[in-house]
Amino acid sequence: MTATTTGFRHDPHKSVPRSSWPRPPRLLGEYCTDLSFMLGSLSIVMFWMFGFGILLGAGAIAAGIAAYRHPAVEGNEPKGLEALLGILTGAFGIAAGLVFLAAALPNL
């Protein structure tokens, strides 16, 4: 007696295409470093939008601090530097926004 094979049973000898393998998930710390750098860059670009750059800069600093304290980023030097760069760009965006507000508000 032989067993019939149907399409519903898993054949361990059958090759699985590489694209269907699950990818390992990215860690939260890696997302926060990218988010921090993006928000910091946007805060520098958007400093002239009457406080919007300041809010983006604050978000960049918060995400950078959260990423820098994450255990997956502590041992990874490039990701730690990216989190620090996000913090610095956020601080620069806040400073540029404050200078713009200080110069623009008296003229309104």
PDB file of N, CA and C in Angstrom:
ATOM      1  N   MET A   1       0.845  -1.164   0.000  1.00  0.00           N
ATOM      2  CA  MET A   1       0.000   0.000   0.000  1.00  0.00           C
ATOM      3  C   MET A   1       0.901   1.242   0.000  1.00  0.00           C
ATOM      4  N   THR A   2       0.654   2.165  -0.883  1.00  0.00           N
ATOM      5  CA  THR A   2       1.450   3.373  -0.965  1.00  0.00           C
ATOM      6  C   THR A   2       0.591   4.561  -0.553  1.00  0.00           C
ATOM      7  N   ALA A   3       1.238   5.503   0.031  1.00  0.00           N
ATOM      8  CA  ALA A   3       0.536   6.712   0.462  1.00  0.00           C
ATOM      9  C   ALA A   3       0.421   7.658  -0.722  1.00  0.00           C
ATOM     10  N   THR A   4      -0.733   8.225  -0.866  1.00  0.00           N
ATOM     11  CA  THR A   4      -0.914   9.195  -1.944  1.00  0.00           C
ATOM     12  C   THR A   4      -0.493  10.571  -1.444  1.00  0.00           C
ATOM     13  N   THR A   5       0.099  11.323  -2.317  1.00  0.00           N
ATOM     14  CA  THR A   5       0.524  12.679  -1.940  1.00  0.00           C
ATOM     15  C   THR A   5      -0.466  13.675  -2.511  1.00  0.00           C
ATOM     16  N   THR A   6      -0.863  14.567  -1.693  1.00  0.00           N
ATOM     17  CA  THR A   6      -1.751  15.650  -2.132  1.00  0.00           C
ATOM     18  C   THR A   6      -1.007  16.963  -1.977  1.00  0.00           C
ATOM     19  N   GLY A   7      -1.586  17.981  -2.472  1.00  0.00           N
ATOM     20  CA  GLY A   7      -0.968  19.297  -2.382  1.00  0.00           C
ATOM     21  C   GLY A   7      -1.053  19.907  -1.002  1.00  0.00           C
ATOM     22  N   PHE A   8      -1.762  19.254  -0.083  1.00  0.00           N
ATOM     23  CA  PHE A   8      -1.953  19.822   1.233  1.00  0.00           C
ATOM     24  C   PHE A   8      -0.912  19.380   2.238  1.00  0.00           C
ATOM     25  N   ARG A   9      -0.166  18.343   1.934  1.00  0.00           N
ATOM     26  CA  ARG A   9       0.846  17.852   2.867  1.00  0.00           C
ATOM     27  C   ARG A   9       2.194  18.476   2.550  1.00  0.00           C
ATOM     28  N   HIS A  10       2.963  18.671   3.571  1.00  0.00           N
ATOM     29  CA  HIS A  10       4.291  19.263   3.405  1.00  0.00           C
ATOM     30  C   HIS A  10       5.284  18.180   3.020  1.00  0.00           C
ATOM     31  N   ASP A  11       5.999  18.383   1.957  1.00  0.00           N
ATOM     32  CA  ASP A  11       7.023  17.446   1.522  1.00  0.00           C
ATOM     33  C   ASP A  11       8.372  17.986   1.983  1.00  0.00           C
ATOM     34  N   PRO A  12       9.050  17.312   2.920  1.00  0.00           N
ATOM     35  CA  PRO A  12      10.315  17.854   3.438  1.00  0.00           C
ATOM     36  C   PRO A  12      11.428  17.867   2.408  1.00  0.00           C
ATOM     37  N   HIS A  13      11.298  17.113   1.335  1.00  0.00           N
ATOM     38  CA  HIS A  13      12.359  17.056   0.324  1.00  0.00           C
ATOM     39  C   HIS A  13      12.148  18.084  -0.785  1.00  0.00           C
ATOM     40  N   LYS A  14      11.033  18.743  -0.745  1.00  0.00           N
ATOM     41  CA  LYS A  14      10.730  19.726  -1.771  1.00  0.00           C
ATOM     42  C   LYS A  14      11.441  21.045  -1.451  1.00  0.00           C
ATOM     43  N   SER A  15      11.979  21.672  -2.459  1.00  0.00           N
ATOM     44  CA  SER A  15      12.703  22.929  -2.271  1.00  0.00           C
ATOM     45  C   SER A  15      11.712  24.078  -2.112  1.00  0.00           C
ATOM     46  N   VAL A  16      11.978  24.927  -1.133  1.00  0.00           N
ATOM     47  CA  VAL A  16      11.146  26.096  -0.891  1.00  0.00           C
ATOM     48  C   VAL A  16      11.836  27.294  -1.523  1.00  0.00           C
ATOM     49  N   PRO A  17      11.109  28.087  -2.320  1.00  0.00           N
ATOM     50  CA  PRO A  17      11.752  29.272  -2.906  1.00  0.00           C
ATOM     51  C   PRO A  17      12.251  30.229  -1.819  1.00  0.00           C
ATOM     52  N   ARG A  18      13.345  30.869  -2.100  1.00  0.00           N
ATOM     53  CA  ARG A  18      13.987  31.759  -1.127  1.00  0.00           C
ATOM     54  C   ARG A  18      13.088  32.943  -0.751  1.00  0.00           C
ATOM     55  N   SER A  19      12.293  33.428  -1.685  1.00  0.00           N
ATOM     56  CA  SER A  19      11.486  34.615  -1.409  1.00  0.00           C
ATOM     57  C   SER A  19      10.361  34.350  -0.421  1.00  0.00           C
ATOM     58  N   SER A  20       9.979  33.088  -0.233  1.00  0.00           N
ATOM     59  CA  SER A  20       8.884  32.807   0.682  1.00  0.00           C
ATOM     60  C   SER A  20       9.357  32.588   2.115  1.00  0.00           C
ATOM     61  N   TRP A  21      10.646  32.600   2.351  1.00  0.00           N
ATOM     62  CA  TRP A  21      11.153  32.446   3.710  1.00  0.00           C
ATOM     63  C   TRP A  21      10.862  33.702   4.503  1.00  0.00           C
ATOM     64  N   PRO A  22      10.508  33.559   5.763  1.00  0.00           N
ATOM     65  CA  PRO A  22      10.243  34.771   6.552  1.00  0.00           C
ATOM     66  C   PRO A  22      11.540  35.521   6.838  1.00  0.00           C
ATOM     67  N   ARG A  23      11.468  36.827   6.731  1.00  0.00           N
ATOM     68  CA  ARG A  23      12.623  37.661   7.026  1.00  0.00           C
ATOM     69  C   ARG A  23      12.672  37.920   8.520  1.00  0.00           C
ATOM     70  N   PRO A  24      13.864  38.033   9.097  1.00  0.00           N
ATOM     71  CA  PRO A  24      13.923  38.336  10.531  1.00  0.00           C
ATOM     72  C   PRO A  24      13.408  39.745  10.800  1.00  0.00           C
ATOM     73  N   PRO A  25      12.651  39.927  11.850  1.00  0.00           N
ATOM     74  CA  PRO A  25      12.095  41.256  12.123  1.00  0.00           C
ATOM     75  C   PRO A  25      13.181  42.231  12.565  1.00  0.00           C
ATOM     76  N   ARG A  26      13.026  43.491  12.178  1.00  0.00           N
ATOM     77  CA  ARG A  26      13.947  44.525  12.639  1.00  0.00           C
ATOM     78  C   ARG A  26      13.565  44.901  14.061  1.00  0.00           C
ATOM     79  N   LEU A  27      14.544  45.245  14.819  1.00  0.00           N
ATOM     80  CA  LEU A  27      14.303  45.587  16.215  1.00  0.00           C
ATOM     81  C   LEU A  27      13.788  47.012  16.341  1.00  0.00           C
ATOM     82  N   LEU A  28      13.109  47.272  17.428  1.00  0.00           N
ATOM     83  CA  LEU A  28      12.527  48.588  17.671  1.00  0.00           C
ATOM     84  C   LEU A  28      13.613  49.663  17.722  1.00  0.00           C
ATOM     85  N   GLY A  29      14.761  49.337  18.281  1.00  0.00           N
ATOM     86  CA  GLY A  29      15.844  50.310  18.362  1.00  0.00           C
ATOM     87  C   GLY A  29      16.337  50.748  16.995  1.00  0.00           C
ATOM     88  N   GLU A  30      16.360  49.813  16.037  1.00  0.00           N
ATOM     89  CA  GLU A  30      16.790  50.173  14.692  1.00  0.00           C
ATOM     90  C   GLU A  30      15.762  51.076  14.012  1.00  0.00           C
ATOM     91  N   TYR A  31      14.485  50.844  14.271  1.00  0.00           N
ATOM     92  CA  TYR A  31      13.465  51.732  13.724  1.00  0.00           C
ATOM     93  C   TYR A  31      13.577  53.119  14.341  1.00  0.00           C
ATOM     94  N   CYS A  32      13.852  53.184  15.624  1.00  0.00           N
ATOM     95  CA  CYS A  32      13.930  54.483  16.295  1.00  0.00           C
ATOM     96  C   CYS A  32      15.127  55.296  15.826  1.00  0.00           C
ATOM     97  N   THR A  33      16.243  54.638  15.496  1.00  0.00           N
ATOM     98  CA  THR A  33      17.388  55.393  14.990  1.00  0.00           C
ATOM     99  C   THR A  33      17.055  56.003  13.637  1.00  0.00           C
ATOM    100  N   ASP A  34      16.403  55.229  12.776  1.00  0.00           N
ATOM    101  CA  ASP A  34      16.017  55.765  11.476  1.00  0.00           C
ATOM    102  C   ASP A  34      14.990  56.877  11.624  1.00  0.00           C
ATOM    103  N   LEU A  35      14.028  56.669  12.504  1.00  0.00           N
ATOM    104  CA  LEU A  35      12.996  57.677  12.743  1.00  0.00           C
ATOM    105  C   LEU A  35      13.607  58.961  13.302  1.00  0.00           C
ATOM    106  N   SER A  36      14.544  58.821  14.209  1.00  0.00           N
ATOM    107  CA  SER A  36      15.187  59.991  14.801  1.00  0.00           C
ATOM    108  C   SER A  36      15.936  60.801  13.748  1.00  0.00           C
ATOM    109  N   PHE A  37      16.670  60.120  12.896  1.00  0.00           N
ATOM    110  CA  PHE A  37      17.429  60.831  11.871  1.00  0.00           C
ATOM    111  C   PHE A  37      16.493  61.491  10.856  1.00  0.00           C
ATOM    112  N   MET A  38      15.411  60.806  10.476  1.00  0.00           N
ATOM    113  CA  MET A  38      14.470  61.401   9.521  1.00  0.00           C
ATOM    114  C   MET A  38      13.760  62.615  10.107  1.00  0.00           C
ATOM    115  N   LEU A  39      13.310  62.504  11.369  1.00  0.00           N
ATOM    116  CA  LEU A  39      12.641  63.642  11.993  1.00  0.00           C
ATOM    117  C   LEU A  39      13.596  64.818  12.185  1.00  0.00           C
ATOM    118  N   GLY A  40      14.839  64.531  12.542  1.00  0.00           N
ATOM    119  CA  GLY A  40      15.818  65.601  12.691  1.00  0.00           C
ATOM    120  C   GLY A  40      16.112  66.305  11.379  1.00  0.00           C
ATOM    121  N   SER A  41      16.219  65.537  10.310  1.00  0.00           N
ATOM    122  CA  SER A  41      16.450  66.139   8.994  1.00  0.00           C
ATOM    123  C   SER A  41      15.258  66.988   8.574  1.00  0.00           C
ATOM    124  N   LEU A  42      14.064  66.473   8.811  1.00  0.00           N
ATOM    125  CA  LEU A  42      12.871  67.258   8.477  1.00  0.00           C
ATOM    126  C   LEU A  42      12.755  68.515   9.325  1.00  0.00           C
ATOM    127  N   SER A  43      13.198  68.452  10.566  1.00  0.00           N
ATOM    128  CA  SER A  43      13.117  69.646  11.412  1.00  0.00           C
ATOM    129  C   SER A  43      14.052  70.736  10.911  1.00  0.00           C
ATOM    130  N   ILE A  44      15.189  70.351  10.352  1.00  0.00           N
ATOM    131  CA  ILE A  44      16.096  71.356   9.783  1.00  0.00           C
ATOM    132  C   ILE A  44      15.488  71.966   8.524  1.00  0.00           C
ATOM    133  N   VAL A  45      14.883  71.129   7.698  1.00  0.00           N
ATOM    134  CA  VAL A  45      14.301  71.625   6.454  1.00  0.00           C
ATOM    135  C   VAL A  45      13.055  72.472   6.714  1.00  0.00           C
ATOM    136  N   MET A  46      12.274  72.120   7.728  1.00  0.00           N
ATOM    137  CA  MET A  46      10.994  72.766   7.974  1.00  0.00           C
ATOM    138  C   MET A  46      11.054  73.784   9.117  1.00  0.00           C
ATOM    139  N   PHE A  47      12.200  74.338   9.418  1.00  0.00           N
ATOM    140  CA  PHE A  47      12.334  75.269  10.544  1.00  0.00           C
ATOM    141  C   PHE A  47      11.505  76.525  10.355  1.00  0.00           C
ATOM    142  N   TRP A  48      11.201  76.886   9.131  1.00  0.00           N
ATOM    143  CA  TRP A  48      10.519  78.139   8.834  1.00  0.00           C
ATOM    144  C   TRP A  48       8.999  78.042   8.925  1.00  0.00           C
ATOM    145  N   MET A  49       8.455  76.927   9.351  1.00  0.00           N
ATOM    146  CA  MET A  49       7.006  76.728   9.354  1.00  0.00           C
ATOM    147  C   MET A  49       6.371  77.045  10.705  1.00  0.00           C
ATOM    148  N   PHE A  50       6.850  78.052  11.406  1.00  0.00           N
ATOM    149  CA  PHE A  50       6.260  78.582  12.634  1.00  0.00           C
ATOM    150  C   PHE A  50       5.983  77.504  13.677  1.00  0.00           C
ATOM    151  N   GLY A  51       7.008  76.844  14.111  1.00  0.00           N
ATOM    152  CA  GLY A  51       6.894  75.888  15.202  1.00  0.00           C
ATOM    153  C   GLY A  51       6.849  74.433  14.777  1.00  0.00           C
ATOM    154  N   PHE A  52       6.586  74.151  13.512  1.00  0.00           N
ATOM    155  CA  PHE A  52       6.534  72.766  13.065  1.00  0.00           C
ATOM    156  C   PHE A  52       7.916  72.116  13.128  1.00  0.00           C
ATOM    157  N   GLY A  53       8.949  72.847  12.789  1.00  0.00           N
ATOM    158  CA  GLY A  53      10.319  72.328  12.893  1.00  0.00           C
ATOM    159  C   GLY A  53      10.717  72.063  14.338  1.00  0.00           C
ATOM    160  N   ILE A  54      10.193  72.870  15.250  1.00  0.00           N
ATOM    161  CA  ILE A  54      10.484  72.656  16.670  1.00  0.00           C
ATOM    162  C   ILE A  54       9.839  71.359  17.144  1.00  0.00           C
ATOM    163  N   LEU A  55       8.603  71.105  16.720  1.00  0.00           N
ATOM    164  CA  LEU A  55       7.936  69.859  17.094  1.00  0.00           C
ATOM    165  C   LEU A  55       8.649  68.639  16.500  1.00  0.00           C
ATOM    166  N   LEU A  56       9.064  68.751  15.241  1.00  0.00           N
ATOM    167  CA  LEU A  56       9.801  67.645  14.621  1.00  0.00           C
ATOM    168  C   LEU A  56      11.135  67.421  15.321  1.00  0.00           C
ATOM    169  N   GLY A  57      11.794  68.483  15.714  1.00  0.00           N
ATOM    170  CA  GLY A  57      13.062  68.355  16.432  1.00  0.00           C
ATOM    171  C   GLY A  57      12.891  67.691  17.786  1.00  0.00           C
ATOM    172  N   ALA A  58      11.809  68.047  18.480  1.00  0.00           N
ATOM    173  CA  ALA A  58      11.537  67.410  19.772  1.00  0.00           C
ATOM    174  C   ALA A  58      11.257  65.917  19.590  1.00  0.00           C
ATOM    175  N   GLY A  59      10.532  65.575  18.531  1.00  0.00           N
ATOM    176  CA  GLY A  59      10.292  64.163  18.236  1.00  0.00           C
ATOM    177  C   GLY A  59      11.570  63.430  17.886  1.00  0.00           C
ATOM    178  N   ALA A  60      12.473  64.099  17.173  1.00  0.00           N
ATOM    179  CA  ALA A  60      13.754  63.487  16.823  1.00  0.00           C
ATOM    180  C   ALA A  60      14.603  63.234  18.064  1.00  0.00           C
ATOM    181  N   ILE A  61      14.597  64.179  18.983  1.00  0.00           N
ATOM    182  CA  ILE A  61      15.370  63.998  20.215  1.00  0.00           C
ATOM    183  C   ILE A  61      14.781  62.870  21.054  1.00  0.00           C
ATOM    184  N   ALA A  62      13.464  62.818  21.148  1.00  0.00           N
ATOM    185  CA  ALA A  62      12.823  61.744  21.934  1.00  0.00           C
ATOM    186  C   ALA A  62      13.092  60.372  21.323  1.00  0.00           C
ATOM    187  N   ALA A  63      12.964  60.258  20.006  1.00  0.00           N
ATOM    188  CA  ALA A  63      13.224  58.974  19.346  1.00  0.00           C
ATOM    189  C   ALA A  63      14.700  58.600  19.435  1.00  0.00           C
ATOM    190  N   GLY A  64      15.580  59.580  19.348  1.00  0.00           N
ATOM    191  CA  GLY A  64      17.016  59.295  19.452  1.00  0.00           C
ATOM    192  C   GLY A  64      17.403  58.817  20.838  1.00  0.00           C
ATOM    193  N   ILE A  65      16.828  59.419  21.871  1.00  0.00           N
ATOM    194  CA  ILE A  65      17.121  58.974  23.239  1.00  0.00           C
ATOM    195  C   ILE A  65      16.560  57.576  23.471  1.00  0.00           C
ATOM    196  N   ALA A  66      15.342  57.327  22.971  1.00  0.00           N
ATOM    197  CA  ALA A  66      14.752  55.990  23.121  1.00  0.00           C
ATOM    198  C   ALA A  66      15.584  54.942  22.382  1.00  0.00           C
ATOM    199  N   ALA A  67      16.090  55.298  21.214  1.00  0.00           N
ATOM    200  CA  ALA A  67      16.910  54.355  20.448  1.00  0.00           C
ATOM    201  C   ALA A  67      18.264  54.139  21.113  1.00  0.00           C
ATOM    202  N   TYR A  68      18.840  55.206  21.628  1.00  0.00           N
ATOM    203  CA  TYR A  68      20.170  55.097  22.231  1.00  0.00           C
ATOM    204  C   TYR A  68      20.147  54.225  23.487  1.00  0.00           C
ATOM    205  N   ARG A  69      19.020  54.219  24.192  1.00  0.00           N
ATOM    206  CA  ARG A  69      18.902  53.409  25.410  1.00  0.00           C
ATOM    207  C   ARG A  69      18.431  51.987  25.139  1.00  0.00           C
ATOM    208  N   HIS A  70      18.066  51.673  23.906  1.00  0.00           N
ATOM    209  CA  HIS A  70      17.576  50.331  23.571  1.00  0.00           C
ATOM    210  C   HIS A  70      18.738  49.333  23.631  1.00  0.00           C
ATOM    211  N   PRO A  71      18.514  48.131  24.182  1.00  0.00           N
ATOM    212  CA  PRO A  71      19.609  47.160  24.315  1.00  0.00           C
ATOM    213  C   PRO A  71      20.214  46.712  22.989  1.00  0.00           C
ATOM    214  N   ALA A  72      19.442  46.694  21.918  1.00  0.00           N
ATOM    215  CA  ALA A  72      19.988  46.266  20.628  1.00  0.00           C
ATOM    216  C   ALA A  72      20.927  47.310  20.039  1.00  0.00           C
ATOM    217  N   VAL A  73      20.791  48.560  20.432  1.00  0.00           N
ATOM    218  CA  VAL A  73      21.617  49.630  19.880  1.00  0.00           C
ATOM    219  C   VAL A  73      22.846  49.874  20.745  1.00  0.00           C
ATOM    220  N   GLU A  74      22.799  49.492  22.014  1.00  0.00           N
ATOM    221  CA  GLU A  74      23.918  49.768  22.919  1.00  0.00           C
ATOM    222  C   GLU A  74      25.220  49.133  22.444  1.00  0.00           C
ATOM    223  N   GLY A  75      25.157  47.927  21.921  1.00  0.00           N
ATOM    224  CA  GLY A  75      26.375  47.257  21.469  1.00  0.00           C
ATOM    225  C   GLY A  75      26.699  47.489  20.009  1.00  0.00           C
ATOM    226  N   ASN A  76      25.833  48.181  19.288  1.00  0.00           N
ATOM    227  CA  ASN A  76      26.013  48.412  17.862  1.00  0.00           C
ATOM    228  C   ASN A  76      26.460  49.853  17.644  1.00  0.00           C
ATOM    229  N   GLU A  77      27.740  50.040  17.370  1.00  0.00           N
ATOM    230  CA  GLU A  77      28.286  51.395  17.274  1.00  0.00           C
ATOM    231  C   GLU A  77      27.707  52.217  16.125  1.00  0.00           C
ATOM    232  N   PRO A  78      27.531  51.670  14.916  1.00  0.00           N
ATOM    233  CA  PRO A  78      26.946  52.505  13.853  1.00  0.00           C
ATOM    234  C   PRO A  78      25.524  52.961  14.163  1.00  0.00           C
ATOM    235  N   LYS A  79      24.715  52.100  14.757  1.00  0.00           N
ATOM    236  CA  LYS A  79      23.350  52.499  15.095  1.00  0.00           C
ATOM    237  C   LYS A  79      23.351  53.502  16.251  1.00  0.00           C
ATOM    238  N   GLY A  80      24.278  53.369  17.184  1.00  0.00           N
ATOM    239  CA  GLY A  80      24.391  54.342  18.261  1.00  0.00           C
ATOM    240  C   GLY A  80      24.785  55.714  17.738  1.00  0.00           C
ATOM    241  N   LEU A  81      25.689  55.738  16.758  1.00  0.00           N
ATOM    242  CA  LEU A  81      26.071  57.018  16.157  1.00  0.00           C
ATOM    243  C   LEU A  81      24.919  57.612  15.350  1.00  0.00           C
ATOM    244  N   GLU A  82      24.117  56.753  14.727  1.00  0.00           N
ATOM    245  CA  GLU A  82      22.966  57.258  13.990  1.00  0.00           C
ATOM    246  C   GLU A  82      21.929  57.861  14.939  1.00  0.00           C
ATOM    247  N   ALA A  83      21.755  57.237  16.099  1.00  0.00           N
ATOM    248  CA  ALA A  83      20.844  57.805  17.099  1.00  0.00           C
ATOM    249  C   ALA A  83      21.377  59.142  17.602  1.00  0.00           C
ATOM    250  N   LEU A  84      22.679  59.232  17.840  1.00  0.00           N
ATOM    251  CA  LEU A  84      23.280  60.493  18.270  1.00  0.00           C
ATOM    252  C   LEU A  84      23.156  61.560  17.187  1.00  0.00           C
ATOM    253  N   LEU A  85      23.311  61.165  15.934  1.00  0.00           N
ATOM    254  CA  LEU A  85      23.149  62.108  14.832  1.00  0.00           C
ATOM    255  C   LEU A  85      21.706  62.600  14.750  1.00  0.00           C
ATOM    256  N   GLY A  86      20.742  61.726  15.024  1.00  0.00           N
ATOM    257  CA  GLY A  86      19.341  62.143  15.064  1.00  0.00           C
ATOM    258  C   GLY A  86      19.084  63.137  16.179  1.00  0.00           C
ATOM    259  N   ILE A  87      19.706  62.914  17.338  1.00  0.00           N
ATOM    260  CA  ILE A  87      19.559  63.849  18.459  1.00  0.00           C
ATOM    261  C   ILE A  87      20.154  65.209  18.094  1.00  0.00           C
ATOM    262  N   LEU A  88      21.322  65.199  17.475  1.00  0.00           N
ATOM    263  CA  LEU A  88      21.979  66.463  17.112  1.00  0.00           C
ATOM    264  C   LEU A  88      21.211  67.216  16.028  1.00  0.00           C
ATOM    265  N   THR A  89      20.699  66.501  15.018  1.00  0.00           N
ATOM    266  CA  THR A  89      19.935  67.189  13.980  1.00  0.00           C
ATOM    267  C   THR A  89      18.622  67.731  14.548  1.00  0.00           C
ATOM    268  N   GLY A  90      18.026  67.013  15.493  1.00  0.00           N
ATOM    269  CA  GLY A  90      16.821  67.522  16.147  1.00  0.00           C
ATOM    270  C   GLY A  90      17.101  68.782  16.942  1.00  0.00           C
ATOM    271  N   ALA A  91      18.229  68.797  17.653  1.00  0.00           N
ATOM    272  CA  ALA A  91      18.594  69.990  18.424  1.00  0.00           C
ATOM    273  C   ALA A  91      18.886  71.173  17.502  1.00  0.00           C
ATOM    274  N   PHE A  92      19.549  70.903  16.375  1.00  0.00           N
ATOM    275  CA  PHE A  92      19.831  71.974  15.428  1.00  0.00           C
ATOM    276  C   PHE A  92      18.537  72.493  14.797  1.00  0.00           C
ATOM    277  N   GLY A  93      17.593  71.586  14.518  1.00  0.00           N
ATOM    278  CA  GLY A  93      16.295  72.008  13.966  1.00  0.00           C
ATOM    279  C   GLY A  93      15.516  72.859  14.952  1.00  0.00           C
ATOM    280  N   ILE A  94      15.574  72.492  16.240  1.00  0.00           N
ATOM    281  CA  ILE A  94      14.905  73.302  17.266  1.00  0.00           C
ATOM    282  C   ILE A  94      15.547  74.682  17.356  1.00  0.00           C
ATOM    283  N   ALA A  95      16.875  74.726  17.341  1.00  0.00           N
ATOM    284  CA  ALA A  95      17.573  76.007  17.422  1.00  0.00           C
ATOM    285  C   ALA A  95      17.252  76.887  16.215  1.00  0.00           C
ATOM    286  N   ALA A  96      17.237  76.299  15.019  1.00  0.00           N
ATOM    287  CA  ALA A  96      16.921  77.075  13.817  1.00  0.00           C
ATOM    288  C   ALA A  96      15.483  77.569  13.865  1.00  0.00           C
ATOM    289  N   GLY A  97      14.563  76.746  14.349  1.00  0.00           N
ATOM    290  CA  GLY A  97      13.163  77.156  14.466  1.00  0.00           C
ATOM    291  C   GLY A  97      12.982  78.283  15.464  1.00  0.00           C
ATOM    292  N   LEU A  98      13.694  78.210  16.587  1.00  0.00           N
ATOM    293  CA  LEU A  98      13.590  79.275  17.586  1.00  0.00           C
ATOM    294  C   LEU A  98      14.167  80.588  17.064  1.00  0.00           C
ATOM    295  N   VAL A  99      15.278  80.522  16.348  1.00  0.00           N
ATOM    296  CA  VAL A  99      15.865  81.739  15.773  1.00  0.00           C
ATOM    297  C   VAL A  99      14.907  82.342  14.755  1.00  0.00           C
ATOM    298  N   PHE A 100      14.295  81.490  13.941  1.00  0.00           N
ATOM    299  CA  PHE A 100      13.345  81.997  12.960  1.00  0.00           C
ATOM    300  C   PHE A 100      12.129  82.632  13.630  1.00  0.00           C
ATOM    301  N   LEU A 101      11.604  81.980  14.657  1.00  0.00           N
ATOM    302  CA  LEU A 101      10.451  82.542  15.369  1.00  0.00           C
ATOM    303  C   LEU A 101      10.818  83.861  16.042  1.00  0.00           C
ATOM    304  N   ALA A 102      12.014  83.942  16.631  1.00  0.00           N
ATOM    305  CA  ALA A 102      12.432  85.177  17.262  1.00  0.00           C
ATOM    306  C   ALA A 102      12.574  86.313  16.271  1.00  0.00           C
ATOM    307  N   ALA A 103      12.990  85.981  15.045  1.00  0.00           N
ATOM    308  CA  ALA A 103      13.144  87.024  14.027  1.00  0.00           C
ATOM    309  C   ALA A 103      11.820  87.362  13.360  1.00  0.00           C
ATOM    310  N   ALA A 104      10.915  86.405  13.234  1.00  0.00           N
ATOM    311  CA  ALA A 104       9.701  86.627  12.455  1.00  0.00           C
ATOM    312  C   ALA A 104       8.541  87.179  13.286  1.00  0.00           C
ATOM    313  N   LEU A 105       8.427  86.799  14.547  1.00  0.00           N
ATOM    314  CA  LEU A 105       7.273  87.208  15.335  1.00  0.00           C
ATOM    315  C   LEU A 105       7.161  88.716  15.557  1.00  0.00           C
ATOM    316  N   PRO A 106       8.262  89.440  15.789  1.00  0.00           N
ATOM    317  CA  PRO A 106       8.092  90.903  15.954  1.00  0.00           C
ATOM    318  C   PRO A 106       7.617  91.607  14.683  1.00  0.00           C
ATOM    319  N   ASN A 107       7.813  90.999  13.527  1.00  0.00           N
ATOM    320  CA  ASN A 107       7.433  91.632  12.268  1.00  0.00           C
ATOM    321  C   ASN A 107       6.022  91.273  11.831  1.00  0.00           C
ATOM    322  N   LEU A 108       5.301  90.493  12.591  1.00  0.00           N
ATOM    323  CA  LEU A 108       3.935  90.130  12.195  1.00  0.00           C
ATOM    324  C   LEU A 108       2.938  91.153  12.610  1.00  0.00           C
TER     325      LEU A 108
END
